[in-house]
């Protein structure tokens, strides 16, 4: 096996192990507290904005 193939295979294994580790610990999953605040996130802010001065960007 050539050195390039060894390095490439080791890199692939490290990437797979890293993504498995991050997935196991919940990185990239849906936030559990987002469902309660989803309505307020979609409503927009009344504090004035740069689009039309209403603060609502939808």
Foldseek 3Di string as FASTA:
>chain_A
DDPVVVVVVVVVVVVVVVVVVCVVVPPPHDDPCCVVCVVVVQPFDCPFDDPPRRRHDD
